[in-house]
């Protein structure tokens, strides 16, 4: 049986939800986009607005970076028990443009805990507002945060 002739129900809320079944090309599109990560925690959801976009109508990369930094700090805050600072953006990859109105979901996982620092991997997935239920990765990044004292000096992190 070919993929075109197989019938697969469309996800609720998808553009094909009014039709009972997805076509072969819709299945291929879904396969490219894939599922949301099960090995990371959802730490932030946000919708970019018109004030966040450039002249081409895409969201500024700097705006996305700021949101990734916020999302990346959620998990380290559980270990640091106090102030922390972003000390490194180890990797940052823009895979797809983000549009006004996209629903962005930020997933994070701690990848390393050192004496004073914590490294976090963040993946960002978008849902087009008109095609909710279909997610695709737009950004991924690795950031390092350092626990700091009241004077801004690095301090030890109590191991979990």
N, C-alpha and C. Protein backbone atom coordinates (compact mmCIF):
# COMPACT_ATOMS: atom_id res chain seq x y z
N UNK A 1 0.85 -1.17 0.00
CA UNK A 1 0.00 0.00 0.00
C UNK A 1 0.90 1.24 0.00
N UNK A 2 0.66 2.15 -0.90
CA UNK A 2 1.47 3.37 -0.95
C UNK A 2 0.99 4.36 0.09
N UNK A 3 1.82 5.34 0.38
CA UNK A 3 1.47 6.34 1.38
C UNK A 3 0.27 7.18 0.92
N UNK A 4 0.11 7.40 -0.40
CA UNK A 4 -1.01 8.17 -0.90
C UNK A 4 -2.34 7.46 -0.67
N UNK A 5 -2.34 6.13 -0.71
CA UNK A 5 -3.60 5.42 -0.59
C UNK A 5 -3.92 5.05 0.85
N UNK A 6 -2.98 5.23 1.77
CA UNK A 6 -3.28 4.90 3.16
C UNK A 6 -4.02 6.06 3.80
N UNK A 7 -4.98 5.75 4.64
CA UNK A 7 -5.78 6.77 5.30
C UNK A 7 -5.33 6.90 6.75
N UNK A 8 -4.94 8.12 7.13
CA UNK A 8 -4.52 8.40 8.50
C UNK A 8 -5.30 9.60 8.98
N UNK A 9 -5.95 9.50 10.14
CA UNK A 9 -6.70 10.66 10.64
C UNK A 9 -5.80 11.86 10.85
N UNK A 10 -6.30 13.03 10.50
CA UNK A 10 -5.56 14.27 10.71
C UNK A 10 -5.66 14.68 12.17
N UNK A 11 -4.61 15.32 12.72
CA UNK A 11 -4.68 15.75 14.12
C UNK A 11 -5.73 16.82 14.32
N UNK A 12 -6.36 16.83 15.49
CA UNK A 12 -7.36 17.84 15.81
C UNK A 12 -6.74 19.22 15.70
N UNK A 13 -7.49 20.15 15.13
CA UNK A 13 -6.99 21.51 15.01
C UNK A 13 -6.11 21.74 13.80
N UNK A 14 -5.79 20.71 13.05
CA UNK A 14 -4.95 20.90 11.87
C UNK A 14 -5.81 21.41 10.72
N UNK A 15 -5.18 21.96 9.68
CA UNK A 15 -5.96 22.47 8.56
C UNK A 15 -6.80 21.37 7.90
N UNK A 16 -6.42 20.13 8.08
CA UNK A 16 -7.15 19.04 7.45
C UNK A 16 -8.18 18.43 8.39
N UNK A 17 -8.39 19.03 9.56
CA UNK A 17 -9.32 18.45 10.53
C UNK A 17 -10.73 18.41 9.98
N UNK A 18 -11.10 19.35 9.10
CA UNK A 18 -12.43 19.31 8.52
C UNK A 18 -12.57 18.12 7.58
N UNK A 19 -11.48 17.74 6.95
CA UNK A 19 -11.49 16.52 6.16
C UNK A 19 -11.12 15.39 7.12
N UNK A 20 -11.67 14.23 6.91
CA UNK A 20 -11.48 13.14 7.86
C UNK A 20 -10.08 12.55 7.82
N UNK A 21 -9.39 12.63 6.67
CA UNK A 21 -8.11 11.95 6.53
C UNK A 21 -7.08 12.84 5.87
N UNK A 22 -5.78 12.57 6.19
CA UNK A 22 -4.66 13.32 5.61
C UNK A 22 -4.24 12.66 4.30
N UNK A 23 -3.76 13.46 3.36
CA UNK A 23 -3.25 12.93 2.11
C UNK A 23 -1.78 12.58 2.26
N UNK A 24 -1.21 11.97 1.23
CA UNK A 24 0.21 11.60 1.26
C UNK A 24 1.12 12.78 1.47
N UNK A 25 0.89 13.90 0.77
CA UNK A 25 1.77 15.06 0.92
C UNK A 25 1.66 15.65 2.33
N UNK A 26 0.46 15.62 2.94
CA UNK A 26 0.31 16.10 4.31
C UNK A 26 1.08 15.21 5.27
N UNK A 27 1.08 13.90 5.01
CA UNK A 27 1.83 12.97 5.85
C UNK A 27 3.32 13.26 5.75
N UNK A 28 3.80 13.55 4.53
CA UNK A 28 5.22 13.85 4.34
C UNK A 28 5.58 15.12 5.10
N UNK A 29 4.72 16.14 5.04
CA UNK A 29 4.98 17.39 5.75
C UNK A 29 5.05 17.13 7.25
N UNK A 30 4.10 16.36 7.78
CA UNK A 30 4.11 16.05 9.20
C UNK A 30 5.37 15.28 9.58
N UNK A 31 5.80 14.36 8.72
CA UNK A 31 7.00 13.57 9.02
C UNK A 31 8.23 14.47 9.10
N UNK A 32 8.30 15.51 8.26
CA UNK A 32 9.43 16.43 8.30
C UNK A 32 9.43 17.22 9.61
N UNK A 33 8.27 17.55 10.10
CA UNK A 33 8.18 18.38 11.29
C UNK A 33 8.40 17.58 12.56
N UNK A 34 7.88 16.39 12.64
CA UNK A 34 8.15 15.50 13.76
C UNK A 34 7.47 15.91 15.05
N UNK A 35 7.59 15.05 16.08
CA UNK A 35 6.96 15.30 17.37
C UNK A 35 7.77 16.26 18.23
N UNK A 36 7.15 16.74 19.28
CA UNK A 36 7.84 17.57 20.26
C UNK A 36 8.75 16.68 21.10
N UNK A 37 9.84 17.23 21.64
CA UNK A 37 10.79 16.39 22.40
C UNK A 37 10.20 15.86 23.70
N UNK A 38 10.34 14.57 23.91
CA UNK A 38 9.85 13.95 25.14
C UNK A 38 10.92 13.96 26.23
N UNK A 39 12.18 14.23 25.84
CA UNK A 39 13.28 14.19 26.81
C UNK A 39 13.62 15.57 27.38
N UNK A 40 12.80 16.57 27.07
CA UNK A 40 13.02 17.92 27.58
C UNK A 40 11.74 18.43 28.21
N UNK A 41 11.87 19.45 29.05
CA UNK A 41 10.72 20.02 29.74
C UNK A 41 10.25 21.30 29.06
N UNK A 42 8.94 21.45 28.90
CA UNK A 42 8.38 22.69 28.38
C UNK A 42 8.54 23.75 29.47
N UNK A 43 9.30 24.82 29.16
CA UNK A 43 9.60 25.83 30.17
C UNK A 43 9.03 27.21 29.84
N UNK A 44 8.57 27.41 28.58
CA UNK A 44 8.05 28.71 28.19
C UNK A 44 7.22 28.57 26.92
N UNK A 45 6.13 29.32 26.83
CA UNK A 45 5.35 29.46 25.60
C UNK A 45 5.11 30.94 25.40
N UNK A 46 5.25 31.40 24.17
CA UNK A 46 5.09 32.83 23.89
C UNK A 46 4.66 33.02 22.43
N UNK A 47 3.97 34.12 22.18
CA UNK A 47 3.56 34.48 20.82
C UNK A 47 4.21 35.81 20.46
N UNK A 48 5.10 35.83 19.45
CA UNK A 48 5.70 37.11 19.06
C UNK A 48 4.66 38.03 18.39
N UNK A 49 4.81 39.30 18.64
CA UNK A 49 3.86 40.30 18.15
C UNK A 49 4.50 41.18 17.07
N UNK A 50 3.71 42.01 16.40
CA UNK A 50 4.26 42.85 15.31
C UNK A 50 5.44 43.73 15.72
N UNK A 51 5.49 44.20 16.96
CA UNK A 51 6.61 45.04 17.41
C UNK A 51 7.94 44.28 17.45
N UNK A 52 7.87 42.93 17.37
CA UNK A 52 9.05 42.08 17.47
C UNK A 52 9.62 41.70 16.10
N UNK A 53 9.05 42.25 15.02
CA UNK A 53 9.50 41.80 13.69
C UNK A 53 10.30 42.87 12.94
N UNK A 54 11.07 42.38 11.98
CA UNK A 54 11.89 43.25 11.14
C UNK A 54 11.09 43.70 9.92
N UNK A 55 11.73 44.40 9.01
CA UNK A 55 11.06 44.94 7.83
C UNK A 55 10.56 43.86 6.88
N UNK A 56 11.10 42.66 6.99
CA UNK A 56 10.66 41.55 6.14
C UNK A 56 9.46 40.81 6.73
N UNK A 57 9.07 41.17 7.94
CA UNK A 57 7.95 40.50 8.59
C UNK A 57 8.35 39.30 9.41
N UNK A 58 9.66 39.03 9.50
CA UNK A 58 10.13 37.93 10.34
C UNK A 58 10.52 38.48 11.71
N UNK A 59 10.48 37.63 12.71
CA UNK A 59 10.83 38.06 14.07
C UNK A 59 12.34 38.25 14.16
N UNK A 60 12.76 39.33 14.84
CA UNK A 60 14.18 39.60 15.03
C UNK A 60 14.86 38.42 15.72
N UNK A 61 16.03 38.05 15.23
CA UNK A 61 16.82 36.99 15.86
C UNK A 61 17.17 37.34 17.30
N UNK A 62 17.43 38.61 17.57
CA UNK A 62 17.76 39.04 18.92
C UNK A 62 16.60 38.84 19.89
N UNK A 63 15.38 39.01 19.39
CA UNK A 63 14.19 38.76 20.22
C UNK A 63 14.12 37.28 20.57
N UNK A 64 14.35 36.43 19.58
CA UNK A 64 14.33 34.98 19.82
C UNK A 64 15.43 34.62 20.82
N UNK A 65 16.62 35.21 20.65
CA UNK A 65 17.72 34.92 21.57
C UNK A 65 17.36 35.30 23.01
N UNK A 66 16.71 36.43 23.19
CA UNK A 66 16.32 36.85 24.53
C UNK A 66 15.33 35.86 25.15
N UNK A 67 14.39 35.38 24.35
CA UNK A 67 13.42 34.40 24.85
C UNK A 67 14.11 33.08 25.20
N UNK A 68 15.09 32.67 24.39
CA UNK A 68 15.85 31.44 24.66
C UNK A 68 16.62 31.59 25.97
N UNK A 69 17.20 32.76 26.22
CA UNK A 69 17.93 33.00 27.46
C UNK A 69 16.99 32.90 28.66
N UNK A 70 15.80 33.47 28.55
CA UNK A 70 14.82 33.35 29.64
C UNK A 70 14.42 31.90 29.86
N UNK A 71 14.12 31.20 28.78
CA UNK A 71 13.71 29.79 28.88
C UNK A 71 14.84 28.94 29.45
N UNK A 72 16.06 29.22 29.00
CA UNK A 72 17.21 28.45 29.46
C UNK A 72 17.50 28.62 30.93
N UNK A 73 17.08 29.71 31.51
CA UNK A 73 17.38 29.97 32.93
C UNK A 73 16.41 29.28 33.88
N UNK A 74 15.32 28.75 33.38
CA UNK A 74 14.30 28.16 34.25
C UNK A 74 14.84 26.95 35.02
N UNK A 75 15.44 26.00 34.34
CA UNK A 75 15.93 24.78 35.01
C UNK A 75 17.12 25.04 35.93
N UNK A 76 18.12 25.82 35.52
CA UNK A 76 19.23 26.10 36.44
C UNK A 76 18.79 26.77 37.74
N UNK A 77 17.72 27.56 37.68
CA UNK A 77 17.24 28.24 38.88
C UNK A 77 16.88 27.26 39.98
N UNK A 78 16.52 26.04 39.61
CA UNK A 78 16.17 25.00 40.60
C UNK A 78 17.40 24.53 41.37
N UNK A 79 18.57 24.64 40.76
CA UNK A 79 19.81 24.16 41.38
C UNK A 79 20.60 25.26 42.04
N UNK A 80 20.53 26.47 41.50
CA UNK A 80 21.40 27.57 41.90
C UNK A 80 21.00 28.16 43.25
N UNK A 81 19.71 28.22 43.54
CA UNK A 81 19.22 28.77 44.81
C UNK A 81 19.77 30.17 45.06
N UNK A 82 19.53 31.05 44.12
CA UNK A 82 19.99 32.43 44.23
C UNK A 82 20.27 33.00 42.86
N UNK A 83 21.13 34.00 42.84
CA UNK A 83 21.44 34.70 41.59
C UNK A 83 22.26 33.83 40.65
N UNK A 84 22.08 34.10 39.35
CA UNK A 84 22.91 33.46 38.33
C UNK A 84 23.02 34.42 37.15
N UNK A 85 24.00 34.16 36.31
CA UNK A 85 24.22 34.99 35.13
C UNK A 85 24.51 34.08 33.94
N UNK A 86 24.06 34.54 32.77
CA UNK A 86 24.40 33.83 31.53
C UNK A 86 25.85 34.20 31.21
N UNK A 87 26.72 33.20 31.08
CA UNK A 87 28.12 33.48 30.80
C UNK A 87 28.56 33.05 29.42
N UNK A 88 27.77 32.17 28.78
CA UNK A 88 28.17 31.72 27.44
C UNK A 88 26.97 31.26 26.65
N UNK A 89 26.99 31.61 25.38
CA UNK A 89 26.09 31.01 24.40
C UNK A 89 27.01 30.10 23.59
N UNK A 90 26.98 28.83 23.92
CA UNK A 90 27.91 27.87 23.32
C UNK A 90 27.57 27.56 21.87
N UNK A 91 26.27 27.57 21.57
CA UNK A 91 25.79 27.28 20.22
C UNK A 91 24.42 27.92 20.07
N UNK A 92 24.16 28.46 18.89
CA UNK A 92 22.83 29.02 18.61
C UNK A 92 22.57 28.85 17.13
N UNK A 93 21.53 28.09 16.80
CA UNK A 93 21.22 27.80 15.40
C UNK A 93 19.80 28.22 15.09
N UNK A 94 19.65 29.10 14.11
CA UNK A 94 18.33 29.47 13.60
C UNK A 94 18.03 28.54 12.42
N UNK A 95 17.03 27.69 12.57
CA UNK A 95 16.71 26.70 11.55
C UNK A 95 15.63 27.18 10.58
N UNK A 96 14.68 27.94 11.07
CA UNK A 96 13.56 28.43 10.28
C UNK A 96 13.21 29.84 10.77
N UNK A 97 12.68 30.68 9.89
CA UNK A 97 12.22 31.99 10.37
C UNK A 97 11.00 31.84 11.27
N UNK A 98 10.85 32.78 12.19
CA UNK A 98 9.69 32.85 13.06
C UNK A 98 8.83 34.00 12.57
N UNK A 99 7.52 33.79 12.53
CA UNK A 99 6.60 34.81 12.03
C UNK A 99 5.76 35.39 13.16
N UNK A 100 5.24 36.58 12.92
CA UNK A 100 4.31 37.19 13.86
C UNK A 100 3.14 36.23 14.04
N UNK A 101 2.74 36.00 15.29
CA UNK A 101 1.60 35.15 15.58
C UNK A 101 1.92 33.68 15.75
N UNK A 102 3.16 33.25 15.44
CA UNK A 102 3.53 31.85 15.70
C UNK A 102 3.42 31.59 17.20
N UNK A 103 3.03 30.40 17.56
CA UNK A 103 3.02 30.00 18.96
C UNK A 103 4.32 29.25 19.19
N UNK A 104 5.22 29.83 19.97
CA UNK A 104 6.53 29.24 20.22
C UNK A 104 6.54 28.47 21.53
N UNK A 105 7.06 27.25 21.49
CA UNK A 105 7.21 26.41 22.67
C UNK A 105 8.69 26.16 22.89
N UNK A 106 9.18 26.46 24.09
CA UNK A 106 10.59 26.33 24.44
C UNK A 106 10.77 25.14 25.37
N UNK A 107 11.59 24.18 24.93
CA UNK A 107 11.87 22.98 25.71
C UNK A 107 13.33 23.02 26.15
N UNK A 108 13.59 22.63 27.39
CA UNK A 108 14.96 22.70 27.92
C UNK A 108 15.31 21.43 28.69
N UNK A 109 16.63 21.17 28.73
CA UNK A 109 17.18 20.07 29.53
C UNK A 109 18.57 20.48 29.99
N UNK A 110 18.87 20.16 31.24
CA UNK A 110 20.21 20.39 31.78
C UNK A 110 21.12 19.33 31.19
N UNK A 111 22.25 19.74 30.62
CA UNK A 111 23.18 18.78 30.03
C UNK A 111 24.45 18.61 30.86
N UNK A 112 24.73 19.58 31.74
CA UNK A 112 25.95 19.49 32.56
C UNK A 112 25.80 20.37 33.78
N UNK A 113 26.23 19.84 34.93
CA UNK A 113 26.30 20.64 36.15
C UNK A 113 27.74 20.57 36.65
N UNK A 114 28.39 21.73 36.69
CA UNK A 114 29.77 21.81 37.18
C UNK A 114 29.80 22.34 38.60
N UNK A 115 30.96 22.83 39.02
CA UNK A 115 31.09 23.37 40.38
C UNK A 115 30.32 24.68 40.56
N UNK A 116 30.41 25.56 39.54
CA UNK A 116 29.72 26.85 39.62
C UNK A 116 28.79 27.09 38.43
N UNK A 117 28.83 26.22 37.44
CA UNK A 117 28.06 26.48 36.22
C UNK A 117 27.12 25.33 35.85
N UNK A 118 26.12 25.68 35.07
CA UNK A 118 25.15 24.72 34.55
C UNK A 118 24.95 25.01 33.07
N UNK A 119 25.02 23.96 32.24
CA UNK A 119 24.79 24.10 30.80
C UNK A 119 23.43 23.51 30.47
N UNK A 120 22.71 24.22 29.62
CA UNK A 120 21.34 23.85 29.26
C UNK A 120 21.19 23.83 27.75
N UNK A 121 20.49 22.84 27.23
CA UNK A 121 20.13 22.76 25.82
C UNK A 121 18.68 23.22 25.70
N UNK A 122 18.41 24.14 24.78
CA UNK A 122 17.06 24.66 24.55
C UNK A 122 16.68 24.41 23.10
N UNK A 123 15.48 23.89 22.88
CA UNK A 123 14.94 23.73 21.53
C UNK A 123 13.64 24.50 21.46
N UNK A 124 13.45 25.21 20.34
CA UNK A 124 12.26 26.04 20.16
C UNK A 124 11.46 25.49 18.99
N UNK A 125 10.18 25.26 19.23
CA UNK A 125 9.28 24.75 18.20
C UNK A 125 8.18 25.77 17.96
N UNK A 126 7.77 25.90 16.70
CA UNK A 126 6.72 26.84 16.33
C UNK A 126 5.50 26.09 15.83
N UNK A 127 4.35 26.69 16.10
CA UNK A 127 3.10 26.28 15.48
C UNK A 127 2.61 27.53 14.75
N UNK A 128 2.31 27.41 13.49
CA UNK A 128 1.71 28.54 12.79
C UNK A 128 0.31 28.73 13.38
N UNK A 129 -0.08 29.96 13.60
CA UNK A 129 -1.35 30.23 14.25
C UNK A 129 -2.50 29.58 13.48
N UNK A 130 -2.39 29.57 12.15
CA UNK A 130 -3.45 29.00 11.32
C UNK A 130 -3.36 27.48 11.19
N UNK A 131 -2.27 26.87 11.69
CA UNK A 131 -2.08 25.42 11.57
C UNK A 131 -1.68 24.82 12.91
N UNK A 132 -2.45 25.12 13.94
CA UNK A 132 -2.11 24.65 15.27
C UNK A 132 -2.13 23.12 15.32
N UNK A 133 -1.21 22.58 16.09
CA UNK A 133 -1.08 21.13 16.21
C UNK A 133 0.07 20.59 15.39
N UNK A 134 0.57 21.38 14.46
CA UNK A 134 1.72 20.98 13.64
C UNK A 134 2.92 21.80 14.10
N UNK A 135 3.92 21.13 14.69
CA UNK A 135 5.10 21.79 15.24
C UNK A 135 6.32 21.55 14.37
N UNK A 136 7.21 22.53 14.32
CA UNK A 136 8.50 22.34 13.65
C UNK A 136 9.54 23.16 14.39
N UNK A 137 10.78 22.62 14.41
CA UNK A 137 11.85 23.27 15.16
C UNK A 137 12.32 24.51 14.40
N UNK A 138 12.42 25.64 15.13
CA UNK A 138 12.90 26.88 14.53
C UNK A 138 14.27 27.29 15.05
N UNK A 139 14.61 26.87 16.27
CA UNK A 139 15.87 27.28 16.88
C UNK A 139 16.33 26.23 17.87
N UNK A 140 17.65 26.10 18.00
CA UNK A 140 18.21 25.30 19.09
C UNK A 140 19.45 26.00 19.59
N UNK A 141 19.70 25.85 20.89
CA UNK A 141 20.83 26.57 21.49
C UNK A 141 21.35 25.82 22.71
N UNK A 142 22.61 26.11 23.04
CA UNK A 142 23.23 25.63 24.26
C UNK A 142 23.78 26.85 24.99
N UNK A 143 23.37 26.99 26.25
CA UNK A 143 23.79 28.14 27.05
C UNK A 143 24.37 27.67 28.39
N UNK A 144 25.29 28.47 28.92
CA UNK A 144 25.87 28.16 30.23
C UNK A 144 25.58 29.31 31.19
N UNK A 145 25.11 28.95 32.36
CA UNK A 145 24.79 29.89 33.43
C UNK A 145 25.73 29.63 34.61
N UNK A 146 26.11 30.68 35.32
CA UNK A 146 26.98 30.55 36.49
C UNK A 146 26.26 31.12 37.70
N UNK A 147 26.31 30.36 38.81
CA UNK A 147 25.78 30.84 40.08
C UNK A 147 26.69 31.96 40.58
N UNK A 148 26.09 33.06 41.03
CA UNK A 148 26.89 34.19 41.52
C UNK A 148 26.39 34.63 42.89
N UNK A 149 27.32 35.22 43.66
CA UNK A 149 26.96 35.74 44.97
C UNK A 149 26.50 37.20 44.84
N UNK A 150 26.28 37.86 45.97
CA UNK A 150 25.77 39.24 45.94
C UNK A 150 26.76 40.22 45.33
N UNK A 151 28.04 39.85 45.28
CA UNK A 151 29.06 40.71 44.67
C UNK A 151 29.28 40.37 43.20
N UNK A 152 28.54 39.39 42.68
CA UNK A 152 28.68 39.01 41.28
C UNK A 152 29.80 38.01 41.02
N UNK A 153 30.36 37.44 42.06
CA UNK A 153 31.44 36.45 41.92
C UNK A 153 30.86 35.04 41.85
N UNK A 154 31.48 34.15 41.07
CA UNK A 154 31.00 32.77 41.00
C UNK A 154 30.98 32.11 42.36
N UNK A 155 29.97 31.28 42.60
CA UNK A 155 29.87 30.53 43.85
C UNK A 155 29.49 29.09 43.55
N UNK A 156 29.79 28.20 44.46
CA UNK A 156 29.54 26.77 44.27
C UNK A 156 28.04 26.48 44.20
N UNK A 157 27.73 25.46 43.40
CA UNK A 157 26.36 24.95 43.30
C UNK A 157 26.29 23.67 44.12
N UNK A 158 25.29 23.58 44.99
CA UNK A 158 25.08 22.34 45.75
C UNK A 158 24.62 21.28 44.76
N UNK A 159 25.30 20.16 44.70
CA UNK A 159 24.94 19.09 43.77
C UNK A 159 23.58 18.51 44.15
N UNK A 160 22.77 18.14 43.16
CA UNK A 160 21.43 17.59 43.46
C UNK A 160 21.53 16.23 44.13
